[in-house]
Amino acid sequence: MKGVKVPLQARQGKTFERSLRFMDKNKNIIKLTGFKGRMHVRSDIDDEDTVIELTTENGRIEIDGELGKVVLKISAEDMEAIEADNYIYDLELISPDGRVYGPVIPSAFKVAPEVTR
């Protein structure tokens, strides 16, 4: 899987959900059956602390292997705790045999301020 940049935008205090589909250069679905996923959002690429972590284990990443689809989910309650700002993230997918792929390379994760509270 070749890495791509996928900028994301979320709204503070609102549920965030984004689906990503993975296809090869010929537009064929890349099957992700048995894959796990992990994603860290950080203030800066060198920052030790994460703003939020998404994994298949914590339920913030869901993978539909047959459709090559990865769904990223952050609850409204969790988004409320994240300050409006510009962050950075990447997404790694781990195959059943343990190989780690970085299909989404470091990209922007913008959190816009909540207006209606």
PDB file of N, CA and C in Angstrom:
ATOM      1  N   MET A   1       0.837  -1.173   0.000  1.00  0.00           N
ATOM      2  CA  MET A   1       0.000   0.000   0.000  1.00  0.00           C
ATOM      3  C   MET A   1       0.877   1.230   0.000  1.00  0.00           C
ATOM      4  N   LYS A   2       0.652   2.079  -0.937  1.00  0.00           N
ATOM      5  CA  LYS A   2       1.419   3.313  -1.055  1.00  0.00           C
ATOM      6  C   LYS A   2       0.792   4.385  -0.163  1.00  0.00           C
ATOM      7  N   GLY A   3       1.618   5.144   0.537  1.00  0.00           N
ATOM      8  CA  GLY A   3       1.128   6.180   1.440  1.00  0.00           C
ATOM      9  C   GLY A   3       0.592   7.396   0.715  1.00  0.00           C
ATOM     10  N   VAL A   4      -0.497   7.954   1.242  1.00  0.00           N
ATOM     11  CA  VAL A   4      -1.099   9.167   0.707  1.00  0.00           C
ATOM     12  C   VAL A   4      -1.387  10.114   1.872  1.00  0.00           C
ATOM     13  N   LYS A   5      -1.545  11.392   1.555  1.00  0.00           N
ATOM     14  CA  LYS A   5      -1.951  12.377   2.555  1.00  0.00           C
ATOM     15  C   LYS A   5      -3.461  12.530   2.473  1.00  0.00           C
ATOM     16  N   VAL A   6      -4.108  12.475   3.637  1.00  0.00           N
ATOM     17  CA  VAL A   6      -5.556  12.644   3.712  1.00  0.00           C
ATOM     18  C   VAL A   6      -5.843  13.628   4.848  1.00  0.00           C
ATOM     19  N   PRO A   7      -5.966  14.932   4.529  1.00  0.00           N
ATOM     20  CA  PRO A   7      -6.271  15.884   5.593  1.00  0.00           C
ATOM     21  C   PRO A   7      -7.686  15.639   6.127  1.00  0.00           C
ATOM     22  N   LEU A   8      -7.834  15.761   7.440  1.00  0.00           N
ATOM     23  CA  LEU A   8      -9.125  15.551   8.091  1.00  0.00           C
ATOM     24  C   LEU A   8      -9.533  16.807   8.839  1.00  0.00           C
ATOM     25  N   GLN A   9     -10.834  17.027   8.916  1.00  0.00           N
ATOM     26  CA  GLN A   9     -11.348  18.140   9.703  1.00  0.00           C
ATOM     27  C   GLN A   9     -12.486  17.630  10.578  1.00  0.00           C
ATOM     28  N   ALA A  10     -12.435  17.987  11.843  1.00  0.00           N
ATOM     29  CA  ALA A  10     -13.452  17.615  12.808  1.00  0.00           C
ATOM     30  C   ALA A  10     -13.965  18.884  13.471  1.00  0.00           C
ATOM     31  N   ARG A  11     -15.103  18.762  14.133  1.00  0.00           N
ATOM     32  CA  ARG A  11     -15.664  19.897  14.848  1.00  0.00           C
ATOM     33  C   ARG A  11     -15.694  19.564  16.338  1.00  0.00           C
ATOM     34  N   GLN A  12     -15.171  20.467  17.120  1.00  0.00           N
ATOM     35  CA  GLN A  12     -15.113  20.293  18.571  1.00  0.00           C
ATOM     36  C   GLN A  12     -16.526  20.030  19.107  1.00  0.00           C
ATOM     37  N   GLY A  13     -16.675  19.002  19.942  1.00  0.00           N
ATOM     38  CA  GLY A  13     -17.950  18.703  20.564  1.00  0.00           C
ATOM     39  C   GLY A  13     -18.946  17.968  19.689  1.00  0.00           C
ATOM     40  N   LYS A  14     -18.572  17.629  18.456  1.00  0.00           N
ATOM     41  CA  LYS A  14     -19.460  16.909  17.535  1.00  0.00           C
ATOM     42  C   LYS A  14     -18.841  15.555  17.202  1.00  0.00           C
ATOM     43  N   THR A  15     -19.686  14.564  16.977  1.00  0.00           N
ATOM     44  CA  THR A  15     -19.205  13.243  16.599  1.00  0.00           C
ATOM     45  C   THR A  15     -18.421  13.340  15.295  1.00  0.00           C
ATOM     46  N   PHE A  16     -17.251  12.723  15.271  1.00  0.00           N
ATOM     47  CA  PHE A  16     -16.421  12.671  14.063  1.00  0.00           C
ATOM     48  C   PHE A  16     -16.471  11.252  13.520  1.00  0.00           C
ATOM     49  N   GLU A  17     -16.774  11.137  12.237  1.00  0.00           N
ATOM     50  CA  GLU A  17     -16.730   9.833  11.568  1.00  0.00           C
ATOM     51  C   GLU A  17     -16.295  10.059  10.130  1.00  0.00           C
ATOM     52  N   ARG A  18     -15.297   9.306   9.728  1.00  0.00           N
ATOM     53  CA  ARG A  18     -14.772   9.432   8.356  1.00  0.00           C
ATOM     54  C   ARG A  18     -14.436   8.046   7.834  1.00  0.00           C
ATOM     55  N   SER A  19     -14.920   7.737   6.635  1.00  0.00           N
ATOM     56  CA  SER A  19     -14.622   6.460   5.984  1.00  0.00           C
ATOM     57  C   SER A  19     -13.534   6.660   4.946  1.00  0.00           C
ATOM     58  N   LEU A  20     -12.594   5.740   4.924  1.00  0.00           N
ATOM     59  CA  LEU A  20     -11.530   5.741   3.925  1.00  0.00           C
ATOM     60  C   LEU A  20     -11.600   4.422   3.174  1.00  0.00           C
ATOM     61  N   ARG A  21     -11.536   4.484   1.847  1.00  0.00           N
ATOM     62  CA  ARG A  21     -11.525   3.263   1.036  1.00  0.00           C
ATOM     63  C   ARG A  21     -10.139   3.123   0.431  1.00  0.00           C
ATOM     64  N   PHE A  22      -9.617   1.907   0.462  1.00  0.00           N
ATOM     65  CA  PHE A  22      -8.287   1.656  -0.063  1.00  0.00           C
ATOM     66  C   PHE A  22      -8.383   0.837  -1.338  1.00  0.00           C
ATOM     67  N   MET A  23      -7.841   1.425  -2.429  1.00  0.00           N
ATOM     68  CA  MET A  23      -7.845   0.785  -3.735  1.00  0.00           C
ATOM     69  C   MET A  23      -6.474   0.894  -4.364  1.00  0.00           C
ATOM     70  N   ASP A  24      -6.173  -0.031  -5.255  1.00  0.00           N
ATOM     71  CA  ASP A  24      -4.901   0.022  -5.958  1.00  0.00           C
ATOM     72  C   ASP A  24      -4.991   1.020  -7.114  1.00  0.00           C
ATOM     73  N   LYS A  25      -3.921   1.157  -7.866  1.00  0.00           N
ATOM     74  CA  LYS A  25      -3.882   2.150  -8.947  1.00  0.00           C
ATOM     75  C   LYS A  25      -4.899   1.867 -10.041  1.00  0.00           C
ATOM     76  N   ASN A  26      -5.403   0.626 -10.118  1.00  0.00           N
ATOM     77  CA  ASN A  26      -6.419   0.268 -11.114  1.00  0.00           C
ATOM     78  C   ASN A  26      -7.831   0.347 -10.550  1.00  0.00           C
ATOM     79  N   LYS A  27      -7.973   0.952  -9.369  1.00  0.00           N
ATOM     80  CA  LYS A  27      -9.263   1.129  -8.698  1.00  0.00           C
ATOM     81  C   LYS A  27      -9.876  -0.182  -8.201  1.00  0.00           C
ATOM     82  N   ASN A  28      -9.036  -1.203  -7.983  1.00  0.00           N
ATOM     83  CA  ASN A  28      -9.492  -2.454  -7.387  1.00  0.00           C
ATOM     84  C   ASN A  28      -9.373  -2.333  -5.875  1.00  0.00           C
ATOM     85  N   ILE A  29     -10.363  -2.841  -5.167  1.00  0.00           N
ATOM     86  CA  ILE A  29     -10.365  -2.785  -3.706  1.00  0.00           C
ATOM     87  C   ILE A  29      -9.182  -3.578  -3.152  1.00  0.00           C
ATOM     88  N   ILE A  30      -8.488  -2.973  -2.194  1.00  0.00           N
ATOM     89  CA  ILE A  30      -7.443  -3.679  -1.458  1.00  0.00           C
ATOM     90  C   ILE A  30      -8.137  -4.319  -0.257  1.00  0.00           C
ATOM     91  N   LYS A  31      -8.174  -5.631  -0.242  1.00  0.00           N
ATOM     92  CA  LYS A  31      -8.857  -6.350   0.843  1.00  0.00           C
ATOM     93  C   LYS A  31      -8.042  -6.233   2.126  1.00  0.00           C
ATOM     94  N   LEU A  32      -8.730  -5.916   3.191  1.00  0.00           N
ATOM     95  CA  LEU A  32      -8.094  -5.696   4.488  1.00  0.00           C
ATOM     96  C   LEU A  32      -8.597  -6.691   5.545  1.00  0.00           C
ATOM     97  N   THR A  33      -9.028  -7.853   5.102  1.00  0.00           N
ATOM     98  CA  THR A  33      -9.551  -8.865   6.006  1.00  0.00           C
ATOM     99  C   THR A  33      -8.498  -9.252   7.043  1.00  0.00           C
ATOM    100  N   GLY A  34      -8.893  -9.196   8.311  1.00  0.00           N
ATOM    101  CA  GLY A  34      -7.993  -9.564   9.398  1.00  0.00           C
ATOM    102  C   GLY A  34      -7.039  -8.459   9.835  1.00  0.00           C
ATOM    103  N   PHE A  35      -7.084  -7.306   9.175  1.00  0.00           N
ATOM    104  CA  PHE A  35      -6.192  -6.203   9.531  1.00  0.00           C
ATOM    105  C   PHE A  35      -6.658  -5.527  10.816  1.00  0.00           C
ATOM    106  N   LYS A  36      -5.710  -4.927  11.521  1.00  0.00           N
ATOM    107  CA  LYS A  36      -5.976  -4.065  12.662  1.00  0.00           C
ATOM    108  C   LYS A  36      -5.479  -2.674  12.284  1.00  0.00           C
ATOM    109  N   GLY A  37      -5.941  -1.664  13.009  1.00  0.00           N
ATOM    110  CA  GLY A  37      -5.518  -0.303  12.707  1.00  0.00           C
ATOM    111  C   GLY A  37      -5.165   0.473  13.951  1.00  0.00           C
ATOM    112  N   ARG A  38      -4.300   1.471  13.766  1.00  0.00           N
ATOM    113  CA  ARG A  38      -3.961   2.383  14.863  1.00  0.00           C
ATOM    114  C   ARG A  38      -3.663   3.756  14.282  1.00  0.00           C
ATOM    115  N   MET A  39      -4.052   4.771  15.035  1.00  0.00           N
ATOM    116  CA  MET A  39      -3.880   6.159  14.601  1.00  0.00           C
ATOM    117  C   MET A  39      -3.657   7.020  15.831  1.00  0.00           C
ATOM    118  N   HIS A  40      -2.665   7.887  15.773  1.00  0.00           N
ATOM    119  CA  HIS A  40      -2.410   8.852  16.840  1.00  0.00           C
ATOM    120  C   HIS A  40      -2.604  10.249  16.274  1.00  0.00           C
ATOM    121  N   VAL A  41      -3.236  11.099  17.061  1.00  0.00           N
ATOM    122  CA  VAL A  41      -3.331  12.521  16.749  1.00  0.00           C
ATOM    123  C   VAL A  41      -2.441  13.225  17.756  1.00  0.00           C
ATOM    124  N   ARG A  42      -1.532  14.067  17.253  1.00  0.00           N
ATOM    125  CA  ARG A  42      -0.585  14.783  18.117  1.00  0.00           C
ATOM    126  C   ARG A  42      -0.562  16.261  17.744  1.00  0.00           C
ATOM    127  N   SER A  43      -0.140  17.080  18.692  1.00  0.00           N
ATOM    128  CA  SER A  43       0.002  18.511  18.425  1.00  0.00           C
ATOM    129  C   SER A  43       1.097  18.778  17.409  1.00  0.00           C
ATOM    130  N   ASP A  44       2.142  17.972  17.488  1.00  0.00           N
ATOM    131  CA  ASP A  44       3.304  18.118  16.619  1.00  0.00           C
ATOM    132  C   ASP A  44       3.867  16.720  16.394  1.00  0.00           C
ATOM    133  N   ILE A  45       4.497  16.503  15.267  1.00  0.00           N
ATOM    134  CA  ILE A  45       5.018  15.167  14.953  1.00  0.00           C
ATOM    135  C   ILE A  45       6.017  14.674  15.991  1.00  0.00           C
ATOM    136  N   ASP A  46       6.739  15.603  16.641  1.00  0.00           N
ATOM    137  CA  ASP A  46       7.734  15.222  17.638  1.00  0.00           C
ATOM    138  C   ASP A  46       7.181  15.172  19.059  1.00  0.00           C
ATOM    139  N   ASP A  47       5.908  15.514  19.241  1.00  0.00           N
ATOM    140  CA  ASP A  47       5.303  15.536  20.565  1.00  0.00           C
ATOM    141  C   ASP A  47       5.167  14.118  21.114  1.00  0.00           C
ATOM    142  N   GLU A  48       5.588  13.902  22.361  1.00  0.00           N
ATOM    143  CA  GLU A  48       5.486  12.585  22.999  1.00  0.00           C
ATOM    144  C   GLU A  48       4.040  12.225  23.324  1.00  0.00           C
ATOM    145  N   ASP A  49       3.238  13.221  23.688  1.00  0.00           N
ATOM    146  CA  ASP A  49       1.859  12.976  24.112  1.00  0.00           C
ATOM    147  C   ASP A  49       0.911  12.930  22.921  1.00  0.00           C
ATOM    148  N   THR A  50      -0.080  12.048  23.027  1.00  0.00           N
ATOM    149  CA  THR A  50      -1.118  12.008  22.005  1.00  0.00           C
ATOM    150  C   THR A  50      -2.313  12.824  22.478  1.00  0.00           C
ATOM    151  N   VAL A  51      -2.968  13.466  21.521  1.00  0.00           N
ATOM    152  CA  VAL A  51      -4.206  14.179  21.792  1.00  0.00           C
ATOM    153  C   VAL A  51      -5.326  13.158  21.931  1.00  0.00           C
ATOM    154  N   ILE A  52      -5.332  12.173  21.014  1.00  0.00           N
ATOM    155  CA  ILE A  52      -6.277  11.064  21.069  1.00  0.00           C
ATOM    156  C   ILE A  52      -5.706   9.905  20.262  1.00  0.00           C
ATOM    157  N   GLU A  53      -6.033   8.701  20.684  1.00  0.00           N
ATOM    158  CA  GLU A  53      -5.570   7.494  20.004  1.00  0.00           C
ATOM    159  C   GLU A  53      -6.792   6.728  19.499  1.00  0.00           C
ATOM    160  N   LEU A  54      -6.729   6.313  18.254  1.00  0.00           N
ATOM    161  CA  LEU A  54      -7.777   5.491  17.658  1.00  0.00           C
ATOM    162  C   LEU A  54      -7.169   4.141  17.314  1.00  0.00           C
ATOM    163  N   THR A  55      -7.840   3.072  17.715  1.00  0.00           N
ATOM    164  CA  THR A  55      -7.387   1.729  17.375  1.00  0.00           C
ATOM    165  C   THR A  55      -8.604   0.844  17.129  1.00  0.00           C
ATOM    166  N   THR A  56      -8.368  -0.288  16.498  1.00  0.00           N
ATOM    167  CA  THR A  56      -9.443  -1.263  16.366  1.00  0.00           C
ATOM    168  C   THR A  56      -9.783  -1.816  17.745  1.00  0.00           C
ATOM    169  N   GLU A  57      -8.808  -1.900  18.628  1.00  0.00           N
ATOM    170  CA  GLU A  57      -9.042  -2.426  19.967  1.00  0.00           C
ATOM    171  C   GLU A  57      -9.924  -1.522  20.816  1.00  0.00           C
ATOM    172  N   ASN A  58      -9.784  -0.188  20.680  1.00  0.00           N
ATOM    173  CA  ASN A  58     -10.615   0.703  21.501  1.00  0.00           C
ATOM    174  C   ASN A  58     -11.912   1.106  20.788  1.00  0.00           C
ATOM    175  N   GLY A  59     -12.163   0.527  19.623  1.00  0.00           N
ATOM    176  CA  GLY A  59     -13.418   0.754  18.917  1.00  0.00           C
ATOM    177  C   GLY A  59     -13.505   2.039  18.126  1.00  0.00           C
ATOM    178  N   ARG A  60     -12.425   2.791  18.078  1.00  0.00           N
ATOM    179  CA  ARG A  60     -12.449   4.040  17.316  1.00  0.00           C
ATOM    180  C   ARG A  60     -12.062   3.839  15.856  1.00  0.00           C
ATOM    181  N   ILE A  61     -11.629   2.632  15.520  1.00  0.00           N
ATOM    182  CA  ILE A  61     -11.380   2.264  14.121  1.00  0.00           C
ATOM    183  C   ILE A  61     -12.127   0.971  13.848  1.00  0.00           C
ATOM    184  N   GLU A  62     -12.917   0.975  12.778  1.00  0.00           N
ATOM    185  CA  GLU A  62     -13.591  -0.235  12.320  1.00  0.00           C
ATOM    186  C   GLU A  62     -13.099  -0.527  10.905  1.00  0.00           C
ATOM    187  N   ILE A  63     -12.826  -1.792  10.621  1.00  0.00           N
ATOM    188  CA  ILE A  63     -12.331  -2.179   9.304  1.00  0.00           C
ATOM    189  C   ILE A  63     -13.277  -3.191   8.680  1.00  0.00           C
ATOM    190  N   ASP A  64     -13.745  -2.875   7.470  1.00  0.00           N
ATOM    191  CA  ASP A  64     -14.531  -3.814   6.667  1.00  0.00           C
ATOM    192  C   ASP A  64     -13.567  -4.339   5.609  1.00  0.00           C
ATOM    193  N   GLY A  65     -12.971  -5.498   5.904  1.00  0.00           N
ATOM    194  CA  GLY A  65     -11.906  -6.039   5.069  1.00  0.00           C
ATOM    195  C   GLY A  65     -12.308  -6.311   3.636  1.00  0.00           C
ATOM    196  N   GLU A  66     -13.501  -6.843   3.416  1.00  0.00           N
ATOM    197  CA  GLU A  66     -13.946  -7.175   2.060  1.00  0.00           C
ATOM    198  C   GLU A  66     -14.112  -5.933   1.202  1.00  0.00           C
ATOM    199  N   LEU A  67     -14.522  -4.824   1.816  1.00  0.00           N
ATOM    200  CA  LEU A  67     -14.733  -3.583   1.068  1.00  0.00           C
ATOM    201  C   LEU A  67     -13.512  -2.669   1.072  1.00  0.00           C
ATOM    202  N   GLY A  68     -12.450  -3.073   1.778  1.00  0.00           N
ATOM    203  CA  GLY A  68     -11.254  -2.233   1.853  1.00  0.00           C
ATOM    204  C   GLY A  68     -11.537  -0.905   2.523  1.00  0.00           C
ATOM    205  N   LYS A  69     -12.453  -0.918   3.487  1.00  0.00           N
ATOM    206  CA  LYS A  69     -12.914   0.317   4.117  1.00  0.00           C
ATOM    207  C   LYS A  69     -12.469   0.386   5.573  1.00  0.00           C
ATOM    208  N   VAL A  70     -11.977   1.562   5.940  1.00  0.00           N
ATOM    209  CA  VAL A  70     -11.574   1.854   7.316  1.00  0.00           C
ATOM    210  C   VAL A  70     -12.418   3.038   7.777  1.00  0.00           C
ATOM    211  N   VAL A  71     -13.102   2.878   8.910  1.00  0.00           N
ATOM    212  CA  VAL A  71     -13.934   3.942   9.455  1.00  0.00           C
ATOM    213  C   VAL A  71     -13.287   4.443  10.737  1.00  0.00           C
ATOM    214  N   LEU A  72     -13.039   5.754  10.779  1.00  0.00           N
ATOM    215  CA  LEU A  72     -12.467   6.421  11.945  1.00  0.00           C
ATOM    216  C   LEU A  72     -13.615   7.056  12.718  1.00  0.00           C
ATOM    217  N   LYS A  73     -13.670   6.849  14.036  1.00  0.00           N
ATOM    218  CA  LYS A  73     -14.785   7.348  14.844  1.00  0.00           C
ATOM    219  C   LYS A  73     -14.283   7.959  16.145  1.00  0.00           C
ATOM    220  N   ILE A  74     -14.774   9.160  16.439  1.00  0.00           N
ATOM    221  CA  ILE A  74     -14.502   9.797  17.725  1.00  0.00           C
ATOM    222  C   ILE A  74     -15.837  10.334  18.237  1.00  0.00           C
ATOM    223  N   SER A  75     -16.197   9.990  19.455  1.00  0.00           N
ATOM    224  CA  SER A  75     -17.487  10.407  20.011  1.00  0.00           C
ATOM    225  C   SER A  75     -17.516  11.919  20.236  1.00  0.00           C
ATOM    226  N   ALA A  76     -18.728  12.452  20.333  1.00  0.00           N
ATOM    227  CA  ALA A  76     -18.904  13.876  20.610  1.00  0.00           C
ATOM    228  C   ALA A  76     -18.270  14.239  21.958  1.00  0.00           C
ATOM    229  N   GLU A  77     -18.393  13.335  22.935  1.00  0.00           N
ATOM    230  CA  GLU A  77     -17.813  13.589  24.259  1.00  0.00           C
ATOM    231  C   GLU A  77     -16.292  13.692  24.181  1.00  0.00           C
ATOM    232  N   ASP A  78     -15.673  12.802  23.423  1.00  0.00           N
ATOM    233  CA  ASP A  78     -14.215  12.856  23.261  1.00  0.00           C
ATOM    234  C   ASP A  78     -13.798  14.085  22.464  1.00  0.00           C
ATOM    235  N   MET A  79     -14.585  14.450  21.448  1.00  0.00           N
ATOM    236  CA  MET A  79     -14.253  15.639  20.650  1.00  0.00           C
ATOM    237  C   MET A  79     -14.405  16.915  21.470  1.00  0.00           C
ATOM    238  N   GLU A  80     -15.296  16.903  22.441  1.00  0.00           N
ATOM    239  CA  GLU A  80     -15.479  18.075  23.295  1.00  0.00           C
ATOM    240  C   GLU A  80     -14.227  18.352  24.122  1.00  0.00           C
ATOM    241  N   ALA A  81     -13.487  17.299  24.453  1.00  0.00           N
ATOM    242  CA  ALA A  81     -12.281  17.437  25.279  1.00  0.00           C
ATOM    243  C   ALA A  81     -11.057  17.872  24.468  1.00  0.00           C
ATOM    244  N   ILE A  82     -11.176  17.899  23.146  1.00  0.00           N
ATOM    245  CA  ILE A  82     -10.036  18.278  22.298  1.00  0.00           C
ATOM    246  C   ILE A  82     -10.147  19.755  21.943  1.00  0.00           C
ATOM    247  N   GLU A  83      -9.103  20.507  22.236  1.00  0.00           N
ATOM    248  CA  GLU A  83      -9.099  21.933  21.929  1.00  0.00           C
ATOM    249  C   GLU A  83      -9.116  22.164  20.423  1.00  0.00           C
ATOM    250  N   ALA A  84      -9.806  23.211  20.012  1.00  0.00           N
ATOM    251  CA  ALA A  84      -9.792  23.605  18.607  1.00  0.00           C
ATOM    252  C   ALA A  84      -8.365  24.032  18.257  1.00  0.00           C
ATOM    253  N   ASP A  85      -7.798  23.381  17.251  1.00  0.00           N
ATOM    254  CA  ASP A  85      -6.413  23.664  16.879  1.00  0.00           C
ATOM    255  C   ASP A  85      -6.070  22.831  15.647  1.00  0.00           C
ATOM    256  N   ASN A  86      -4.857  23.000  15.168  1.00  0.00           N
ATOM    257  CA  ASN A  86      -4.340  22.187  14.062  1.00  0.00           C
ATOM    258  C   ASN A  86      -3.409  21.127  14.638  1.00  0.00           C
ATOM    259  N   TYR A  87      -3.665  19.886  14.263  1.00  0.00           N
ATOM    260  CA  TYR A  87      -2.900  18.749  14.756  1.00  0.00           C
ATOM    261  C   TYR A  87      -2.344  17.970  13.571  1.00  0.00           C
ATOM    262  N   ILE A  88      -1.646  16.879  13.880  1.00  0.00           N
ATOM    263  CA  ILE A  88      -1.111  16.000  12.844  1.00  0.00           C
ATOM    264  C   ILE A  88      -1.433  14.563  13.238  1.00  0.00           C
ATOM    265  N   TYR A  89      -1.646  13.716  12.247  1.00  0.00           N
ATOM    266  CA  TYR A  89      -1.944  12.302  12.510  1.00  0.00           C
ATOM    267  C   TYR A  89      -1.365  11.460  11.391  1.00  0.00           C
ATOM    268  N   ASP A  90      -1.303  10.162  11.635  1.00  0.00           N
ATOM    269  CA  ASP A  90      -1.098   9.199  10.560  1.00  0.00           C
ATOM    270  C   ASP A  90      -1.892   7.956  10.925  1.00  0.00           C
ATOM    271  N   LEU A  91      -2.043   7.074   9.974  1.00  0.00           N
ATOM    272  CA  LEU A  91      -2.808   5.851  10.167  1.00  0.00           C
ATOM    273  C   LEU A  91      -1.947   4.683   9.736  1.00  0.00           C
ATOM    274  N   GLU A  92      -1.848   3.693  10.611  1.00  0.00           N
ATOM    275  CA  GLU A  92      -1.121   2.465  10.280  1.00  0.00           C
ATOM    276  C   GLU A  92      -2.094   1.302  10.295  1.00  0.00           C
ATOM    277  N   LEU A  93      -1.938   0.402   9.325  1.00  0.00           N
ATOM    278  CA  LEU A  93      -2.716  -0.827   9.264  1.00  0.00           C
ATOM    279  C   LEU A  93      -1.763  -1.996   9.439  1.00  0.00           C
ATOM    280  N   ILE A  94      -2.181  -2.948  10.269  1.00  0.00           N
ATOM    281  CA  ILE A  94      -1.337  -4.100  10.581  1.00  0.00           C
ATOM    282  C   ILE A  94      -2.003  -5.344  10.018  1.00  0.00           C
ATOM    283  N   SER A  95      -1.282  -6.047   9.133  1.00  0.00           N
ATOM    284  CA  SER A  95      -1.822  -7.251   8.502  1.00  0.00           C
ATOM    285  C   SER A  95      -1.861  -8.400   9.499  1.00  0.00           C
ATOM    286  N   PRO A  96      -2.615  -9.453   9.187  1.00  0.00           N
ATOM    287  CA  PRO A  96      -2.677 -10.605  10.098  1.00  0.00           C
ATOM    288  C   PRO A  96      -1.307 -11.222  10.386  1.00  0.00           C
ATOM    289  N   ASP A  97      -0.345 -11.071   9.456  1.00  0.00           N
ATOM    290  CA  ASP A  97       0.997 -11.627   9.692  1.00  0.00           C
ATOM    291  C   ASP A  97       1.936 -10.633  10.386  1.00  0.00           C
ATOM    292  N   GLY A  98       1.385  -9.473  10.817  1.00  0.00           N
ATOM    293  CA  GLY A  98       2.165  -8.517  11.597  1.00  0.00           C
ATOM    294  C   GLY A  98       2.865  -7.428  10.812  1.00  0.00           C
ATOM    295  N   ARG A  99       2.743  -7.420   9.491  1.00  0.00           N
ATOM    296  CA  ARG A  99       3.375  -6.351   8.698  1.00  0.00           C
ATOM    297  C   ARG A  99       2.617  -5.048   8.909  1.00  0.00           C
ATOM    298  N   VAL A 100       3.359  -3.948   9.058  1.00  0.00           N
ATOM    299  CA  VAL A 100       2.767  -2.640   9.310  1.00  0.00           C
ATOM    300  C   VAL A 100       2.835  -1.809   8.030  1.00  0.00           C
ATOM    301  N   TYR A 101       1.670  -1.286   7.638  1.00  0.00           N
ATOM    302  CA  TYR A 101       1.569  -0.433   6.452  1.00  0.00           C
ATOM    303  C   TYR A 101       1.144   0.957   6.887  1.00  0.00           C
ATOM    304  N   GLY A 102       1.707   1.959   6.249  1.00  0.00           N
ATOM    305  CA  GLY A 102       1.336   3.344   6.518  1.00  0.00           C
ATOM    306  C   GLY A 102       0.608   3.932   5.324  1.00  0.00           C
ATOM    307  N   PRO A 103      -0.653   3.508   5.117  1.00  0.00           N
ATOM    308  CA  PRO A 103      -1.349   3.994   3.927  1.00  0.00           C
ATOM    309  C   PRO A 103      -1.676   5.480   3.988  1.00  0.00           C
ATOM    310  N   VAL A 104      -1.786   6.026   5.215  1.00  0.00           N
ATOM    311  CA  VAL A 104      -1.981   7.467   5.359  1.00  0.00           C
ATOM    312  C   VAL A 104      -0.771   7.999   6.101  1.00  0.00           C
ATOM    313  N   ILE A 105       0.027   8.790   5.395  1.00  0.00           N
ATOM    314  CA  ILE A 105       1.245   9.355   5.974  1.00  0.00           C
ATOM    315  C   ILE A 105       0.895  10.621   6.764  1.00  0.00           C
ATOM    316  N   PRO A 106       1.819  11.163   7.568  1.00  0.00           N
ATOM    317  CA  PRO A 106       1.478  12.326   8.384  1.00  0.00           C
ATOM    318  C   PRO A 106       0.711  13.386   7.605  1.00  0.00           C
ATOM    319  N   SER A 107      -0.469  13.698   8.130  1.00  0.00           N
ATOM    320  CA  SER A 107      -1.407  14.614   7.476  1.00  0.00           C
ATOM    321  C   SER A 107      -2.056  15.503   8.526  1.00  0.00           C
ATOM    322  N   ALA A 108      -2.692  16.564   8.062  1.00  0.00           N
ATOM    323  CA  ALA A 108      -3.344  17.520   8.958  1.00  0.00           C
ATOM    324  C   ALA A 108      -4.631  16.951   9.543  1.00  0.00           C
ATOM    325  N   PHE A 109      -4.852  17.231  10.823  1.00  0.00           N
ATOM    326  CA  PHE A 109      -6.102  16.920  11.509  1.00  0.00           C
ATOM    327  C   PHE A 109      -6.527  18.209  12.193  1.00  0.00           C
ATOM    328  N   LYS A 110      -7.472  18.906  11.582  1.00  0.00           N
ATOM    329  CA  LYS A 110      -7.903  20.210  12.090  1.00  0.00           C
ATOM    330  C   LYS A 110      -9.179  20.031  12.910  1.00  0.00           C
ATOM    331  N   VAL A 111      -9.180  20.642  14.091  1.00  0.00           N
ATOM    332  CA  VAL A 111     -10.374  20.652  14.923  1.00  0.00           C
ATOM    333  C   VAL A 111     -10.886  22.081  14.959  1.00  0.00           C
ATOM    334  N   ALA A 112     -12.063  22.295  14.383  1.00  0.00           N
ATOM    335  CA  ALA A 112     -12.690  23.627  14.349  1.00  0.00           C
ATOM    336  C   ALA A 112     -13.449  23.853  15.649  1.00  0.00           C
ATOM    337  N   PRO A 113     -13.507  25.103  16.097  1.00  0.00           N
ATOM    338  CA  PRO A 113     -14.194  25.384  17.366  1.00  0.00           C
ATOM    339  C   PRO A 113     -15.695  25.151  17.261  1.00  0.00           C
ATOM    340  N   GLU A 114     -16.268  24.770  18.395  1.00  0.00           N
ATOM    341  CA  GLU A 114     -17.705  24.573  18.481  1.00  0.00           C
ATOM    342  C   GLU A 114     -18.374  25.932  18.684  1.00  0.00           C
ATOM    343  N   VAL A 115     -19.391  26.206  17.903  1.00  0.00           N
ATOM    344  CA  VAL A 115     -20.108  27.470  18.033  1.00  0.00           C
ATOM    345  C   VAL A 115     -21.381  27.243  18.848  1.00  0.00           C
ATOM    346  N   THR A 116     -22.173  26.264  18.438  1.00  0.00           N
ATOM    347  CA  THR A 116     -23.400  25.950  19.164  1.00  0.00           C
ATOM    348  C   THR A 116     -23.076  24.939  20.241  1.00  0.00           C
ATOM    349  N   ARG A 117     -23.251  25.309  21.492  1.00  0.00           N
ATOM    350  CA  ARG A 117     -22.910  24.426  22.600  1.00  0.00           C
ATOM    351  C   ARG A 117     -24.142  24.025  23.356  1.00  0.00           C
TER     352      ARG A 117
END
